[in-house]
Amino acid sequence: MSIFNRFVKDESGATAIEYSLIAALMAAAIITALSTFKGDLTTAFTNIGTTLKNNTK
């Protein structure tokens, strides 16, 4: 019974699982946001690249 009680009271694995779930949710949110704004980001970086290219000549 002692081994079972130690297993039930051990919370170190639960903390690791919670952190990995949070990291997975954050990654999903970032991927969703980037795919939503893909066109706007492409345009913005193209404009930045063009401006830098024109100003360095």
N, C-alpha and C. Protein backbone atom coordinates (compact mmCIF):
# COMPACT_ATOMS: atom_id res chain seq x y z
N MET A 1 0.82 -1.20 0.00
CA MET A 1 0.00 0.00 0.00
C MET A 1 0.87 1.27 0.00
N SER A 2 2.07 1.17 0.53
CA SER A 2 2.96 2.32 0.60
C SER A 2 3.35 2.81 -0.79
N ILE A 3 3.62 1.91 -1.70
CA ILE A 3 3.99 2.30 -3.06
C ILE A 3 2.84 3.02 -3.74
N PHE A 4 1.63 2.55 -3.55
CA PHE A 4 0.45 3.18 -4.14
C PHE A 4 0.25 4.59 -3.59
N ASN A 5 0.42 4.78 -2.29
CA ASN A 5 0.26 6.10 -1.68
C ASN A 5 1.31 7.08 -2.20
N ARG A 6 2.55 6.61 -2.35
CA ARG A 6 3.58 7.48 -2.91
C ARG A 6 3.24 7.88 -4.34
N PHE A 7 2.74 6.93 -5.12
CA PHE A 7 2.37 7.22 -6.50
C PHE A 7 1.25 8.24 -6.58
N VAL A 8 0.25 8.15 -5.72
CA VAL A 8 -0.88 9.07 -5.73
C VAL A 8 -0.45 10.47 -5.31
N LYS A 9 0.48 10.57 -4.36
CA LYS A 9 0.91 11.88 -3.85
C LYS A 9 1.95 12.56 -4.73
N ASP A 10 2.59 11.83 -5.63
CA ASP A 10 3.63 12.40 -6.50
C ASP A 10 2.98 13.24 -7.59
N GLU A 11 3.28 14.55 -7.59
CA GLU A 11 2.68 15.47 -8.55
C GLU A 11 3.68 16.01 -9.57
N SER A 12 4.89 15.51 -9.60
CA SER A 12 5.90 16.05 -10.51
C SER A 12 5.53 15.78 -11.96
N GLY A 13 4.96 14.65 -12.26
CA GLY A 13 4.55 14.36 -13.63
C GLY A 13 3.39 15.22 -14.07
N ALA A 14 2.49 15.53 -13.16
CA ALA A 14 1.33 16.36 -13.50
C ALA A 14 1.77 17.76 -13.90
N THR A 15 2.77 18.30 -13.22
CA THR A 15 3.27 19.64 -13.55
C THR A 15 3.87 19.66 -14.95
N ALA A 16 4.64 18.63 -15.28
CA ALA A 16 5.24 18.57 -16.61
C ALA A 16 4.17 18.47 -17.69
N ILE A 17 3.14 17.71 -17.44
CA ILE A 17 2.04 17.57 -18.40
C ILE A 17 1.32 18.90 -18.56
N GLU A 18 1.09 19.61 -17.47
CA GLU A 18 0.42 20.90 -17.54
C GLU A 18 1.24 21.90 -18.37
N TYR A 19 2.55 21.95 -18.15
CA TYR A 19 3.40 22.86 -18.92
C TYR A 19 3.42 22.49 -20.40
N SER A 20 3.44 21.21 -20.70
CA SER A 20 3.45 20.82 -22.11
C SER A 20 2.11 21.12 -22.77
N LEU A 21 1.01 21.01 -22.05
CA LEU A 21 -0.29 21.39 -22.61
C LEU A 21 -0.36 22.89 -22.88
N ILE A 22 0.17 23.69 -21.96
CA ILE A 22 0.20 25.14 -22.15
C ILE A 22 1.06 25.49 -23.37
N ALA A 23 2.22 24.85 -23.50
CA ALA A 23 3.10 25.11 -24.64
C ALA A 23 2.42 24.72 -25.95
N ALA A 24 1.71 23.60 -25.96
CA ALA A 24 1.01 23.16 -27.17
C ALA A 24 -0.10 24.13 -27.55
N LEU A 25 -0.84 24.62 -26.57
CA LEU A 25 -1.90 25.59 -26.85
C LEU A 25 -1.33 26.90 -27.38
N MET A 26 -0.21 27.33 -26.80
CA MET A 26 0.42 28.56 -27.29
C MET A 26 0.93 28.39 -28.72
N ALA A 27 1.51 27.24 -29.02
CA ALA A 27 1.98 26.98 -30.38
C ALA A 27 0.82 26.97 -31.37
N ALA A 28 -0.29 26.36 -30.99
CA ALA A 28 -1.46 26.34 -31.86
C ALA A 28 -1.99 27.74 -32.10
N ALA A 29 -2.00 28.57 -31.05
CA ALA A 29 -2.48 29.95 -31.20
C ALA A 29 -1.56 30.75 -32.11
N ILE A 30 -0.26 30.57 -31.97
CA ILE A 30 0.70 31.30 -32.82
C ILE A 30 0.56 30.87 -34.28
N ILE A 31 0.43 29.58 -34.52
CA ILE A 31 0.28 29.08 -35.89
C ILE A 31 -1.01 29.61 -36.51
N THR A 32 -2.08 29.61 -35.74
CA THR A 32 -3.36 30.13 -36.24
C THR A 32 -3.25 31.61 -36.56
N ALA A 33 -2.63 32.37 -35.68
CA ALA A 33 -2.49 33.81 -35.91
C ALA A 33 -1.64 34.10 -37.13
N LEU A 34 -0.53 33.38 -37.28
CA LEU A 34 0.34 33.62 -38.43
C LEU A 34 -0.34 33.23 -39.74
N SER A 35 -1.10 32.15 -39.73
CA SER A 35 -1.77 31.76 -40.97
C SER A 35 -2.92 32.72 -41.29
N THR A 36 -3.52 33.32 -40.28
CA THR A 36 -4.60 34.28 -40.50
C THR A 36 -4.06 35.56 -41.15
N PHE A 37 -2.89 36.00 -40.69
CA PHE A 37 -2.32 37.25 -41.17
C PHE A 37 -1.23 37.04 -42.21
N LYS A 38 -1.22 35.88 -42.87
CA LYS A 38 -0.16 35.54 -43.82
C LYS A 38 -0.04 36.58 -44.93
N GLY A 39 -1.14 36.97 -45.52
CA GLY A 39 -1.09 37.94 -46.61
C GLY A 39 -0.58 39.29 -46.16
N ASP A 40 -1.05 39.75 -45.03
CA ASP A 40 -0.59 41.04 -44.49
C ASP A 40 0.90 41.01 -44.15
N LEU A 41 1.35 39.89 -43.56
CA LEU A 41 2.77 39.78 -43.22
C LEU A 41 3.63 39.74 -44.47
N THR A 42 3.18 39.03 -45.48
CA THR A 42 3.94 38.96 -46.73
C THR A 42 4.08 40.34 -47.34
N THR A 43 2.99 41.09 -47.38
CA THR A 43 3.02 42.44 -47.93
C THR A 43 3.94 43.34 -47.12
N ALA A 44 3.84 43.26 -45.81
CA ALA A 44 4.67 44.12 -44.95
C ALA A 44 6.15 43.83 -45.15
N PHE A 45 6.53 42.56 -45.17
CA PHE A 45 7.95 42.23 -45.33
C PHE A 45 8.44 42.54 -46.74
N THR A 46 7.58 42.42 -47.73
CA THR A 46 7.95 42.80 -49.09
C THR A 46 8.21 44.30 -49.16
N ASN A 47 7.35 45.08 -48.54
CA ASN A 47 7.54 46.54 -48.51
C ASN A 47 8.82 46.92 -47.76
N ILE A 48 9.08 46.25 -46.66
CA ILE A 48 10.30 46.54 -45.90
C ILE A 48 11.53 46.20 -46.73
N GLY A 49 11.50 45.05 -47.39
CA GLY A 49 12.63 44.65 -48.23
C GLY A 49 12.86 45.60 -49.37
N THR A 50 11.78 46.04 -50.01
CA THR A 50 11.89 47.00 -51.11
C THR A 50 12.46 48.32 -50.64
N THR A 51 11.99 48.80 -49.50
CA THR A 51 12.47 50.06 -48.94
C THR A 51 13.95 49.97 -48.60
N LEU A 52 14.36 48.88 -47.96
CA LEU A 52 15.77 48.70 -47.63
C LEU A 52 16.63 48.60 -48.87
N LYS A 53 16.14 47.90 -49.88
CA LYS A 53 16.90 47.73 -51.12
C LYS A 53 17.08 49.08 -51.83
N ASN A 54 16.03 49.89 -51.84
CA ASN A 54 16.09 51.20 -52.51
C ASN A 54 16.94 52.21 -51.75
N ASN A 55 16.96 52.10 -50.43
CA ASN A 55 17.71 53.07 -49.63
C ASN A 55 19.19 52.74 -49.49
N THR A 56 19.59 51.54 -49.86
CA THR A 56 21.00 51.18 -49.71
C THR A 56 21.79 51.41 -50.99
N LYS A 57 21.14 51.85 -52.04
CA LYS A 57 21.85 52.09 -53.31
C LYS A 57 22.50 53.45 -53.32
